[in-house]
Amino acid sequence: MNRLSSAARRAVFAPLDTEARVEAVARRLGDAIVLGLLVDGEQLPGESDLAGQLGVATVTLRESLMALRQQGLVATRRGRGGGTFVRAPADTLNERLTQRLLAHTVEELRDLADHYAAVAGGIARLAAERADSPDLDAPRRSLQDFADAQDPTARARIDGRLHVELAAAAQSARLTREEIRLQTEIGPLLSLPFADDEAHGTADRQHRQLLDAIGAADPARARGVAEEHVHGGVRRLIELRLKGARAS
């Protein structure tokens, strides 16, 4: 079971705004589970520790966990070895994503792509300027995991993890949180074409080009590759969206 780098995990569990309510906590953790940032079977920190990390009251966290249990995203075990554990069933992910895709118009997808490309490009530029070689250890592991993955669902989860780890390598907590937010909005949709081996191969080549540019401390090339990666993915996604609309 591969886990996020420590910097990326800190972003997942970073404190929420002081006005955060149950829904905000459940959304933060639920998005991380759907994205695969928190993996199936992973045990969450204890309630007191997790509430402290998120900056919320323990009672707020408990209500949030109850909401996640009702959604089937976590399970709680009692007794020795108990706690709250992530449940991320793969069999329903593609159906959820397909329905989410059909709910978007082509114009909305293009607008999301413009915003995400700007953020991804900025992250890539900063990572190329700031990241040392150890900062790229986690993304490099995810890069290889993505290349080796045969299952489309696994490819989707690893892709999301890779992009969050690259954001963490840019050493900006705010951009890392924005990457997580955008991943929840459009990242999983961009992974839908990964069922096709050609699309998977294209994404793999772009990932390698991006890591090479960051490792070479080439901000301009890193930014360009990141932006093209997003826009190329959205072009494939729009094709799927149009096919789905015609079939429905």
Protein backbone atom coordinates (compact mmCIF):
# COMPACT_ATOMS: atom_id res chain seq x y z
CA MET A 1 0.00 0.00 0.00
CA ASN A 2 1.67 3.21 -1.17
CA ARG A 3 1.02 6.29 0.92
CA LEU A 4 1.38 9.97 0.23
CA SER A 5 4.56 11.83 1.03
CA SER A 6 4.57 13.52 4.42
CA ALA A 7 4.18 16.97 2.84
CA ALA A 8 1.15 15.91 0.82
CA ARG A 9 -0.42 14.22 3.86
CA ARG A 10 0.02 17.42 5.85
CA ALA A 11 -2.07 19.21 3.21
CA VAL A 12 -4.83 16.59 3.42
CA PHE A 13 -5.00 16.96 7.20
CA ALA A 14 -4.27 20.71 7.34
CA PRO A 15 -6.55 22.77 9.62
CA LEU A 16 -9.82 23.91 8.11
CA ASP A 17 -11.19 27.41 8.53
CA THR A 18 -12.41 28.14 12.03
CA GLU A 19 -15.99 28.36 10.75
CA ALA A 20 -15.81 24.85 9.26
CA ARG A 21 -18.81 22.68 9.90
CA VAL A 22 -19.50 18.98 9.70
CA GLU A 23 -20.04 19.13 5.94
CA ALA A 24 -16.64 20.74 5.32
CA VAL A 25 -14.78 18.10 7.32
CA ALA A 26 -16.69 15.26 5.64
CA ARG A 27 -16.02 16.81 2.22
CA ARG A 28 -12.28 17.16 2.86
CA LEU A 29 -11.88 13.56 3.98
CA GLY A 30 -14.39 12.18 1.48
CA ASP A 31 -12.65 13.90 -1.43
CA ALA A 32 -9.31 12.49 -0.30
CA ILE A 33 -10.81 8.99 -0.23
CA VAL A 34 -12.47 9.27 -3.65
CA LEU A 35 -9.21 10.59 -5.09
CA GLY A 36 -7.26 7.70 -3.61
CA LEU A 37 -5.14 10.00 -1.44
CA LEU A 38 -6.41 7.96 1.49
CA VAL A 39 -6.40 4.35 0.34
CA ASP A 40 -8.69 1.41 0.96
CA GLY A 41 -8.00 -0.17 4.33
CA GLU A 42 -5.94 2.72 5.66
CA GLN A 43 -6.57 3.59 9.30
CA LEU A 44 -7.30 7.23 10.04
CA PRO A 45 -5.64 8.91 13.02
CA GLY A 46 -7.48 8.64 16.33
CA GLU A 47 -10.40 11.01 16.82
CA SER A 48 -8.60 13.38 19.17
CA ASP A 49 -5.50 13.53 16.99
CA LEU A 50 -7.46 13.95 13.76
CA ALA A 51 -9.70 16.65 15.24
CA GLY A 52 -6.59 18.49 16.39
CA GLN A 53 -4.93 18.24 12.96
CA LEU A 54 -8.06 19.56 11.24
CA GLY A 55 -8.57 22.26 13.86
CA VAL A 56 -12.14 21.25 14.73
CA ALA A 57 -13.94 20.07 17.84
CA THR A 58 -14.03 16.34 18.50
CA VAL A 59 -17.82 16.34 18.33
CA THR A 60 -17.65 17.93 14.86
CA LEU A 61 -15.25 15.24 13.71
CA ARG A 62 -17.47 12.47 15.08
CA GLU A 63 -20.48 13.79 13.20
CA SER A 64 -18.37 14.03 10.04
CA LEU A 65 -17.20 10.44 10.40
CA MET A 66 -20.82 9.38 10.88
CA ALA A 67 -21.67 11.08 7.57
CA LEU A 68 -18.79 9.28 5.86
CA ARG A 69 -19.94 5.95 7.29
CA GLN A 70 -23.39 6.57 5.85
CA GLN A 71 -21.76 7.18 2.46
CA GLY A 72 -19.85 3.92 2.79
CA LEU A 73 -16.48 5.67 2.69
CA VAL A 74 -15.26 4.65 6.16
CA ALA A 75 -15.94 1.83 8.61
CA THR A 76 -15.39 1.79 12.37
CA ARG A 77 -14.17 -1.28 14.23
CA ARG A 78 -14.42 -1.64 17.98
CA GLY A 79 -12.09 -3.35 20.42
CA ARG A 80 -8.41 -4.26 20.13
CA GLY A 81 -6.99 -3.13 16.81
CA GLY A 82 -10.08 -1.03 16.21
CA GLY A 83 -10.45 2.46 14.81
CA THR A 84 -11.80 4.15 11.70
CA PHE A 85 -10.70 2.67 8.38
CA VAL A 86 -11.04 3.90 4.80
CA ARG A 87 -13.39 2.06 2.46
CA ALA A 88 -12.76 2.84 -1.20
CA PRO A 89 -14.56 0.23 -3.32
CA ALA A 90 -13.25 0.35 -6.88
CA ASP A 91 -16.31 -1.15 -8.55
CA THR A 92 -18.45 1.97 -8.19
CA LEU A 93 -15.81 4.59 -9.02
CA ASN A 94 -16.16 4.54 -12.82
CA GLU A 95 -19.95 4.78 -12.65
CA ARG A 96 -19.75 7.75 -10.27
CA LEU A 97 -17.26 9.52 -12.53
CA THR A 98 -19.26 8.90 -15.70
CA GLN A 99 -22.36 10.42 -14.13
CA ARG A 100 -20.32 13.38 -12.90
CA LEU A 101 -18.91 13.90 -16.40
CA LEU A 102 -22.36 13.93 -18.01
CA ALA A 103 -23.48 16.57 -15.50
CA HIS A 104 -20.90 19.02 -16.93
CA THR A 105 -21.35 21.00 -20.13
CA VAL A 106 -18.51 21.24 -22.62
CA GLU A 107 -18.13 24.93 -21.75
CA GLU A 108 -17.80 24.10 -18.04
CA LEU A 109 -15.13 21.51 -18.79
CA ARG A 110 -13.14 24.00 -20.85
CA ASP A 111 -13.40 26.61 -18.10
CA LEU A 112 -12.24 24.10 -15.50
CA ALA A 113 -9.35 23.15 -17.76
CA ASP A 114 -8.21 26.77 -18.11
CA HIS A 115 -8.16 27.21 -14.34
CA TYR A 116 -6.54 23.85 -13.62
CA ALA A 117 -3.89 24.35 -16.32
CA ALA A 118 -2.94 27.68 -14.76
CA VAL A 119 -2.61 26.09 -11.31
CA ALA A 120 -0.78 23.01 -12.61
CA GLY A 121 1.59 25.18 -14.62
CA GLY A 122 2.35 27.34 -11.60
CA ILE A 123 2.98 24.29 -9.44
CA ALA A 124 5.32 22.80 -12.03
CA ARG A 125 7.26 26.07 -12.31
CA LEU A 126 7.70 26.38 -8.55
CA ALA A 127 8.65 22.71 -8.19
CA ALA A 128 11.35 23.19 -10.83
CA GLU A 129 12.65 26.22 -8.94
CA ARG A 130 12.42 24.86 -5.39
CA ALA A 131 12.42 21.06 -5.28
CA ASP A 132 15.54 19.17 -4.28
CA SER A 133 16.07 15.59 -5.40
CA PRO A 134 14.63 14.08 -2.17
CA ASP A 135 11.44 16.11 -2.72
CA LEU A 136 10.91 14.15 -5.92
CA ASP A 137 11.35 10.69 -4.42
CA ALA A 138 7.62 10.23 -3.78
CA PRO A 139 6.54 11.52 -7.24
CA ARG A 140 9.10 9.24 -8.89
CA ARG A 141 7.69 6.22 -7.07
CA SER A 142 4.18 7.20 -8.12
CA LEU A 143 5.44 7.71 -11.68
CA GLN A 144 6.59 4.09 -11.82
CA ASP A 145 3.42 2.86 -10.12
CA PHE A 146 1.35 4.67 -12.75
CA ALA A 147 3.35 3.17 -15.61
CA ASP A 148 2.95 -0.34 -14.18
CA ALA A 149 -0.76 -0.07 -13.31
CA GLN A 150 -3.01 -2.23 -15.47
CA ASP A 151 -6.36 -1.46 -13.84
CA PRO A 152 -8.02 1.83 -14.91
CA THR A 153 -9.15 2.54 -11.34
CA ALA A 154 -5.62 2.07 -10.03
CA ARG A 155 -4.30 4.34 -12.77
CA ALA A 156 -6.78 7.03 -11.74
CA ARG A 157 -5.87 6.88 -8.06
CA ILE A 158 -2.12 6.89 -8.72
CA ASP A 159 -2.44 9.82 -11.14
CA GLY A 160 -4.20 11.90 -8.49
CA ARG A 161 -1.58 10.96 -5.91
CA LEU A 162 1.25 11.89 -8.28
CA HIS A 163 -0.12 15.36 -8.96
CA VAL A 164 -0.67 16.09 -5.27
CA GLU A 165 2.89 14.96 -4.52
CA LEU A 166 4.23 17.28 -7.22
CA ALA A 167 2.27 20.11 -5.61
CA ALA A 168 3.86 19.27 -2.28
CA ALA A 169 7.28 19.34 -3.98
CA ALA A 170 6.54 22.95 -4.97
CA GLN A 171 6.65 23.69 -1.22
CA SER A 172 3.44 25.69 -1.14
CA ALA A 173 0.78 24.45 1.29
CA ARG A 174 -1.84 26.69 -0.30
CA LEU A 175 -1.14 25.40 -3.82
CA THR A 176 -1.13 21.83 -2.53
CA ARG A 177 -4.59 22.35 -1.04
CA GLU A 178 -5.75 23.97 -4.30
CA GLU A 179 -4.40 20.97 -6.23
CA ILE A 180 -6.40 18.66 -3.97
CA ARG A 181 -9.51 20.79 -4.46
CA LEU A 182 -9.13 20.79 -8.24
CA GLN A 183 -8.37 17.10 -8.26
CA THR A 184 -11.73 16.49 -6.61
CA GLU A 185 -13.46 18.69 -9.19
CA ILE A 186 -11.82 17.63 -12.43
CA GLY A 187 -8.86 15.34 -11.67
CA PRO A 188 -10.88 12.10 -11.43
CA LEU A 189 -12.72 13.01 -14.63
CA LEU A 190 -9.42 13.44 -16.46
CA SER A 191 -8.58 9.86 -15.50
CA LEU A 192 -11.63 8.36 -17.25
CA PRO A 193 -9.76 7.86 -20.57
CA PHE A 194 -7.14 5.76 -18.73
CA ALA A 195 -9.17 2.66 -19.57
CA ASP A 196 -7.63 3.11 -23.02
CA ASP A 197 -4.00 1.96 -23.14
CA GLU A 198 -3.04 4.65 -25.64
CA ALA A 199 -4.34 7.41 -23.35
CA HIS A 200 -2.52 5.79 -20.44
CA GLY A 201 0.69 5.70 -22.46
CA THR A 202 0.34 9.36 -23.44
CA ALA A 203 -0.19 10.40 -19.82
CA ASP A 204 2.81 8.31 -18.76
CA ARG A 205 5.07 10.03 -21.32
CA GLN A 206 3.87 13.46 -20.20
CA HIS A 207 4.43 12.57 -16.54
CA ARG A 208 8.00 11.56 -17.36
CA GLN A 209 8.60 14.74 -19.34
CA LEU A 210 7.25 16.76 -16.43
CA LEU A 211 9.45 15.03 -13.84
CA ASP A 212 12.46 15.38 -16.16
CA ALA A 213 11.85 19.13 -16.54
CA ILE A 214 11.41 19.62 -12.79
CA GLY A 215 14.48 17.51 -12.03
CA ALA A 216 16.47 19.55 -14.54
CA ALA A 217 15.34 22.77 -12.82
CA ASP A 218 13.75 24.02 -16.06
CA PRO A 219 10.70 26.07 -14.93
CA ALA A 220 9.55 27.15 -18.40
CA ARG A 221 9.58 23.62 -19.83
CA ALA A 222 7.94 22.20 -16.70
CA ARG A 223 5.13 24.73 -16.90
CA GLY A 224 4.54 24.09 -20.59
CA VAL A 225 4.40 20.31 -20.14
CA ALA A 226 2.02 20.63 -17.19
CA GLU A 227 -0.36 22.92 -19.07
CA GLU A 228 -0.39 20.70 -22.15
CA HIS A 229 -0.98 17.65 -19.95
CA VAL A 230 -4.15 19.25 -18.58
CA HIS A 231 -5.46 20.61 -21.88
CA GLY A 232 -4.75 17.36 -23.73
CA GLY A 233 -6.59 15.42 -21.05
CA VAL A 234 -9.61 17.71 -21.31
CA ARG A 235 -9.72 17.30 -25.08
CA ARG A 236 -10.03 13.53 -24.61
CA LEU A 237 -12.58 14.10 -21.86
CA ILE A 238 -14.77 16.29 -24.07
CA GLU A 239 -14.77 13.53 -26.68
CA LEU A 240 -16.05 11.10 -24.05
CA ARG A 241 -18.62 13.64 -22.88
CA LEU A 242 -19.99 14.10 -26.40
CA LYS A 243 -20.13 10.34 -26.99
CA GLY A 244 -21.94 9.85 -23.69
CA ALA A 245 -24.47 12.55 -24.53
CA ARG A 246 -25.22 10.95 -27.89
CA ALA A 247 -25.63 7.52 -26.28
CA SER A 248 -28.04 8.74 -23.59
